[in-house]
Amino acid sequence: PTTGPYELMAVFTKAGDYGIFEVAVDGKTIGEPIDLYDPKVTTTGEISLGTVQLGEGKHVLRAIAIGHNEKKARNAVGVGSHIFGLDYLRLKK
């Protein structure tokens, strides 16, 4: 409800058929690309995606697939897939 800067915290799922993603809020890319490949299903733990300026109202979060980890290609698990798993988002004032 309060306009201002917020740190966007997130937890993602990682697995053998998950891709590399950029995250954008309201059309602006934030943070570094996130590689969600792991041969086992696991989590990233809570990470900071960066600070965003938010006002009242709705906002759009977008995950953009930009590639896959080379280990995935060698292991042939989900080659050609770019699955994305978001566990949760948290805004930190």
Protein backbone atom coordinates (compact mmCIF):
# COMPACT_ATOMS: atom_id res chain seq x y z
CA PRO A 1 0.00 0.00 0.00
CA THR A 2 3.01 2.34 0.34
CA THR A 3 4.87 3.71 -2.69
CA GLY A 4 8.62 3.33 -2.51
CA PRO A 5 11.62 1.11 -3.08
CA TYR A 6 11.32 -2.57 -2.16
CA GLU A 7 13.88 -5.34 -2.26
CA LEU A 8 12.35 -8.27 -4.15
CA MET A 9 13.23 -11.56 -2.47
CA ALA A 10 12.43 -14.91 -4.08
CA VAL A 11 12.83 -18.65 -3.74
CA PHE A 12 12.92 -20.80 -6.88
CA THR A 13 12.85 -24.54 -7.49
CA LYS A 14 15.85 -26.09 -9.24
CA ALA A 15 15.80 -29.41 -11.16
CA GLY A 16 17.36 -31.25 -14.09
CA ASP A 17 14.93 -29.93 -16.70
CA TYR A 18 14.81 -26.28 -15.56
CA GLY A 19 16.30 -23.40 -17.56
CA ILE A 20 18.09 -20.10 -17.13
CA PHE A 21 15.82 -17.08 -16.66
CA GLU A 22 15.82 -13.33 -16.41
CA VAL A 23 13.20 -11.75 -14.17
CA ALA A 24 11.44 -8.51 -15.05
CA VAL A 25 9.05 -6.32 -13.08
CA ASP A 26 6.79 -4.03 -15.09
CA GLY A 27 8.95 -4.59 -18.18
CA LYS A 28 12.32 -3.82 -16.51
CA THR A 29 14.81 -6.65 -16.05
CA ILE A 30 16.12 -6.88 -12.50
CA GLY A 31 19.02 -8.81 -11.05
CA GLU A 32 21.25 -11.30 -12.81
CA PRO A 33 20.06 -14.31 -14.83
CA ILE A 34 19.09 -17.23 -12.59
CA ASP A 35 20.23 -20.74 -13.52
CA LEU A 36 17.62 -23.17 -12.19
CA TYR A 37 19.45 -26.33 -13.29
CA ASP A 38 20.36 -28.91 -10.67
CA PRO A 39 20.51 -32.68 -11.24
CA LYS A 40 18.42 -33.09 -8.07
CA VAL A 41 15.20 -31.27 -7.20
CA THR A 42 16.18 -28.58 -4.72
CA THR A 43 15.68 -24.90 -3.92
CA THR A 44 17.72 -21.76 -4.43
CA GLY A 45 17.01 -20.63 -0.88
CA GLU A 46 15.88 -17.04 -0.52
CA ILE A 47 17.78 -14.71 -2.86
CA SER A 48 17.56 -11.01 -3.60
CA LEU A 49 16.56 -10.11 -7.15
CA GLY A 50 17.28 -6.43 -6.56
CA THR A 51 15.39 -3.29 -5.63
CA VAL A 52 12.28 -2.14 -7.47
CA GLN A 53 10.29 1.08 -7.18
CA LEU A 54 6.64 0.17 -6.63
CA GLY A 55 3.51 2.24 -6.35
CA GLU A 56 -0.03 1.33 -5.46
CA GLY A 57 -1.83 -1.03 -7.79
CA LYS A 58 -1.00 -4.10 -9.82
CA HIS A 59 2.46 -4.98 -11.12
CA VAL A 60 3.64 -7.60 -13.61
CA LEU A 61 6.38 -10.10 -12.82
CA ARG A 62 7.72 -11.93 -15.86
CA ALA A 63 10.20 -14.81 -16.13
CA ILE A 64 11.99 -14.86 -19.50
CA ALA A 65 13.69 -18.11 -20.58
CA ILE A 66 17.12 -17.25 -21.98
CA GLY A 67 18.80 -20.64 -22.16
CA HIS A 68 19.85 -23.78 -20.37
CA ASN A 69 22.85 -24.97 -18.41
CA GLU A 70 25.40 -26.87 -20.53
CA LYS A 71 25.44 -29.69 -17.96
CA LYS A 72 21.79 -30.30 -18.79
CA ALA A 73 22.63 -30.81 -22.46
CA ARG A 74 25.32 -33.36 -21.57
CA ASN A 75 23.01 -35.22 -19.20
CA ALA A 76 20.10 -35.16 -21.69
CA VAL A 77 17.58 -34.55 -18.90
CA GLY A 78 14.86 -32.35 -20.30
CA VAL A 79 17.00 -31.11 -23.19
CA GLY A 80 14.99 -28.46 -25.01
CA SER A 81 12.82 -27.68 -21.99
CA HIS A 82 13.02 -24.54 -19.90
CA ILE A 83 10.81 -25.25 -16.92
CA PHE A 84 10.44 -22.49 -14.33
CA GLY A 85 9.54 -22.99 -10.67
CA LEU A 86 8.74 -20.09 -8.35
CA ASP A 87 8.14 -21.02 -4.72
CA TYR A 88 7.46 -17.53 -3.36
CA LEU A 89 8.15 -13.80 -3.58
CA ARG A 90 8.60 -11.43 -0.66
CA LEU A 91 8.86 -7.66 -0.67
CA LYS A 92 11.31 -6.21 1.84
CA LYS A 93 10.90 -2.49 2.64
